[in-house]
Amino acid sequence: MFISSAYAQAAAGGDTQSTIMGLLPLVLMFVVLYFVMIRPQMKRQKEHKAMVDAIAKGDEVVTAGGFLGKVTKVGEIYVGVELAEGVEVQMQRTAVVQVLPKGTIK
């Protein structure tokens, strides 16, 4: 008496073109994200790996902690860096941020 009957409506057929148009902004955002963020980061990682692999004895380097030093020992994982005369530290190769030109540290 107080409750009316509810009838199910027929399901509307999904239009494939409207579905593709709905996904288009999401796909465009991913493409822009790839070219703006992901690709440059992969390029930087590849350059850093090549730099770290090319470290040799006598190179002048900057570490992740900001120390400047000269490479005295080169190992597979670790590298010995002389920070000052008589002060040598051992650190991971990946902690080297930059290789400086020869003669930068005096």
C-alpha atoms as a PDB file:
ATOM      1  CA  MET A   1       0.000   0.000   0.000  1.00  0.00           C
ATOM      2  CA  PHE A   2       2.692   2.533   0.987  1.00  0.00           C
ATOM      3  CA  ILE A   3       5.464   0.785  -0.894  1.00  0.00           C
ATOM      4  CA  SER A   4       5.486   1.106  -4.671  1.00  0.00           C
ATOM      5  CA  SER A   5       6.753  -1.665  -6.900  1.00  0.00           C
ATOM      6  CA  ALA A   6      10.243  -1.270  -8.327  1.00  0.00           C
ATOM      7  CA  TYR A   7      10.894  -2.491 -11.831  1.00  0.00           C
ATOM      8  CA  ALA A   8      14.331  -3.120 -13.292  1.00  0.00           C
ATOM      9  CA  GLN A   9      15.237  -1.043 -16.304  1.00  0.00           C
ATOM     10  CA  ALA A  10      16.830  -2.530 -19.352  1.00  0.00           C
ATOM     11  CA  ALA A  11      20.616  -2.152 -19.361  1.00  0.00           C
ATOM     12  CA  ALA A  12      21.877   0.430 -21.814  1.00  0.00           C
ATOM     13  CA  GLY A  13      24.214  -1.004 -24.439  1.00  0.00           C
ATOM     14  CA  GLY A  14      27.776   0.320 -23.933  1.00  0.00           C
ATOM     15  CA  ASP A  15      29.108   2.236 -26.902  1.00  0.00           C
ATOM     16  CA  THR A  16      32.700   1.166 -27.637  1.00  0.00           C
ATOM     17  CA  GLN A  17      33.642   4.566 -29.000  1.00  0.00           C
ATOM     18  CA  SER A  18      32.616   6.309 -25.782  1.00  0.00           C
ATOM     19  CA  THR A  19      34.618   3.751 -23.789  1.00  0.00           C
ATOM     20  CA  ILE A  20      37.752   4.457 -25.850  1.00  0.00           C
ATOM     21  CA  MET A  21      37.218   8.210 -25.494  1.00  0.00           C
ATOM     22  CA  GLY A  22      36.890   7.744 -21.736  1.00  0.00           C
ATOM     23  CA  LEU A  23      40.239   5.921 -21.554  1.00  0.00           C
ATOM     24  CA  LEU A  24      42.049   8.352 -23.872  1.00  0.00           C
ATOM     25  CA  PRO A  25      42.922  10.940 -21.157  1.00  0.00           C
ATOM     26  CA  LEU A  26      44.366   8.182 -18.946  1.00  0.00           C
ATOM     27  CA  VAL A  27      46.519   6.856 -21.777  1.00  0.00           C
ATOM     28  CA  LEU A  28      47.691  10.375 -22.687  1.00  0.00           C
ATOM     29  CA  MET A  29      48.630  11.060 -19.061  1.00  0.00           C
ATOM     30  CA  PHE A  30      50.733   7.870 -18.954  1.00  0.00           C
ATOM     31  CA  VAL A  31      52.510   8.771 -22.212  1.00  0.00           C
ATOM     32  CA  VAL A  32      53.337  12.254 -20.920  1.00  0.00           C
ATOM     33  CA  LEU A  33      54.495  10.806 -17.582  1.00  0.00           C
ATOM     34  CA  TYR A  34      56.784   8.371 -19.426  1.00  0.00           C
ATOM     35  CA  PHE A  35      58.472  11.057 -21.528  1.00  0.00           C
ATOM     36  CA  VAL A  36      58.707  13.651 -18.737  1.00  0.00           C
ATOM     37  CA  MET A  37      59.727  11.499 -15.757  1.00  0.00           C
ATOM     38  CA  ILE A  38      60.506   7.848 -16.440  1.00  0.00           C
ATOM     39  CA  ARG A  39      62.675   8.106 -19.556  1.00  0.00           C
ATOM     40  CA  PRO A  40      65.015  10.860 -18.253  1.00  0.00           C
ATOM     41  CA  GLN A  41      65.456   8.974 -14.966  1.00  0.00           C
ATOM     42  CA  MET A  42      66.454   5.784 -16.799  1.00  0.00           C
ATOM     43  CA  LYS A  43      68.934   7.790 -18.878  1.00  0.00           C
ATOM     44  CA  ARG A  44      70.486   9.307 -15.718  1.00  0.00           C
ATOM     45  CA  GLN A  45      70.774   5.857 -14.128  1.00  0.00           C
ATOM     46  CA  LYS A  46      72.509   4.487 -17.205  1.00  0.00           C
ATOM     47  CA  GLU A  47      74.987   7.416 -17.273  1.00  0.00           C
ATOM     48  CA  HIS A  48      75.740   7.016 -13.546  1.00  0.00           C
ATOM     49  CA  LYS A  49      76.345   3.280 -13.934  1.00  0.00           C
ATOM     50  CA  ALA A  50      78.753   3.914 -16.830  1.00  0.00           C
ATOM     51  CA  MET A  51      80.591   6.560 -14.762  1.00  0.00           C
ATOM     52  CA  VAL A  52      80.870   4.268 -11.724  1.00  0.00           C
ATOM     53  CA  ASP A  53      82.131   1.382 -13.867  1.00  0.00           C
ATOM     54  CA  ALA A  54      84.810   3.639 -15.398  1.00  0.00           C
ATOM     55  CA  ILE A  55      86.318   4.776 -12.064  1.00  0.00           C
ATOM     56  CA  ALA A  56      90.062   4.195 -12.039  1.00  0.00           C
ATOM     57  CA  LYS A  57      92.922   4.726  -9.601  1.00  0.00           C
ATOM     58  CA  GLY A  58      93.967   8.382  -9.513  1.00  0.00           C
ATOM     59  CA  ASP A  59      90.543   9.816 -10.429  1.00  0.00           C
ATOM     60  CA  GLU A  60      89.329  12.773  -8.399  1.00  0.00           C
ATOM     61  CA  VAL A  61      85.752  12.257  -7.248  1.00  0.00           C
ATOM     62  CA  VAL A  62      82.890  13.799  -5.296  1.00  0.00           C
ATOM     63  CA  THR A  63      81.042  11.433  -2.957  1.00  0.00           C
ATOM     64  CA  ALA A  64      77.370  11.383  -2.014  1.00  0.00           C
ATOM     65  CA  GLY A  65      78.335  12.935   1.334  1.00  0.00           C
ATOM     66  CA  GLY A  66      79.972  15.871  -0.429  1.00  0.00           C
ATOM     67  CA  PHE A  67      83.589  14.849   0.173  1.00  0.00           C
ATOM     68  CA  LEU A  68      86.233  15.501  -2.464  1.00  0.00           C
ATOM     69  CA  GLY A  69      88.974  12.930  -2.756  1.00  0.00           C
ATOM     70  CA  LYS A  70      91.346  10.964  -4.927  1.00  0.00           C
ATOM     71  CA  VAL A  71      90.751   7.289  -5.671  1.00  0.00           C
ATOM     72  CA  THR A  72      93.606   5.156  -4.320  1.00  0.00           C
ATOM     73  CA  LYS A  73      92.165   1.629  -4.483  1.00  0.00           C
ATOM     74  CA  VAL A  74      89.570   0.190  -6.823  1.00  0.00           C
ATOM     75  CA  GLY A  75      87.653  -2.955  -5.978  1.00  0.00           C
ATOM     76  CA  GLU A  76      84.636  -4.652  -7.458  1.00  0.00           C
ATOM     77  CA  ILE A  77      82.206  -3.200  -4.903  1.00  0.00           C
ATOM     78  CA  TYR A  78      84.290  -0.813  -2.811  1.00  0.00           C
ATOM     79  CA  VAL A  79      86.688   1.984  -3.644  1.00  0.00           C
ATOM     80  CA  GLY A  80      89.345   3.585  -1.443  1.00  0.00           C
ATOM     81  CA  VAL A  81      89.294   7.399  -1.474  1.00  0.00           C
ATOM     82  CA  GLU A  82      91.978   9.612   0.030  1.00  0.00           C
ATOM     83  CA  LEU A  83      90.249  12.673   1.485  1.00  0.00           C
ATOM     84  CA  ALA A  84      93.373  14.322   2.887  1.00  0.00           C
ATOM     85  CA  GLU A  85      96.972  13.292   3.247  1.00  0.00           C
ATOM     86  CA  GLY A  86      96.958  10.220   5.463  1.00  0.00           C
ATOM     87  CA  VAL A  87      93.138  10.044   5.636  1.00  0.00           C
ATOM     88  CA  GLU A  88      91.719   7.281   3.494  1.00  0.00           C
ATOM     89  CA  VAL A  89      88.166   5.960   3.591  1.00  0.00           C
ATOM     90  CA  GLN A  90      86.602   2.982   1.928  1.00  0.00           C
ATOM     91  CA  MET A  91      83.151   3.403   0.389  1.00  0.00           C
ATOM     92  CA  GLN A  92      80.825   1.776  -2.085  1.00  0.00           C
ATOM     93  CA  ARG A  93      81.392   2.605  -5.725  1.00  0.00           C
ATOM     94  CA  THR A  94      77.798   3.790  -6.074  1.00  0.00           C
ATOM     95  CA  ALA A  95      78.469   6.514  -3.469  1.00  0.00           C
ATOM     96  CA  VAL A  96      80.547   8.368  -6.067  1.00  0.00           C
ATOM     97  CA  VAL A  97      78.392  11.120  -7.522  1.00  0.00           C
ATOM     98  CA  GLN A  98      80.785  12.821  -9.910  1.00  0.00           C
ATOM     99  CA  VAL A  99      84.246  12.335 -11.408  1.00  0.00           C
ATOM    100  CA  LEU A 100      86.131  15.640 -11.486  1.00  0.00           C
ATOM    101  CA  PRO A 101      88.696  16.726 -14.093  1.00  0.00           C
ATOM    102  CA  LYS A 102      92.323  15.964 -13.183  1.00  0.00           C
ATOM    103  CA  GLY A 103      93.965  18.672 -11.099  1.00  0.00           C
ATOM    104  CA  THR A 104      90.769  19.977  -9.487  1.00  0.00           C
ATOM    105  CA  ILE A 105      91.870  18.969  -5.996  1.00  0.00           C
ATOM    106  CA  LYS A 106      95.179  20.484  -4.908  1.00  0.00           C
END
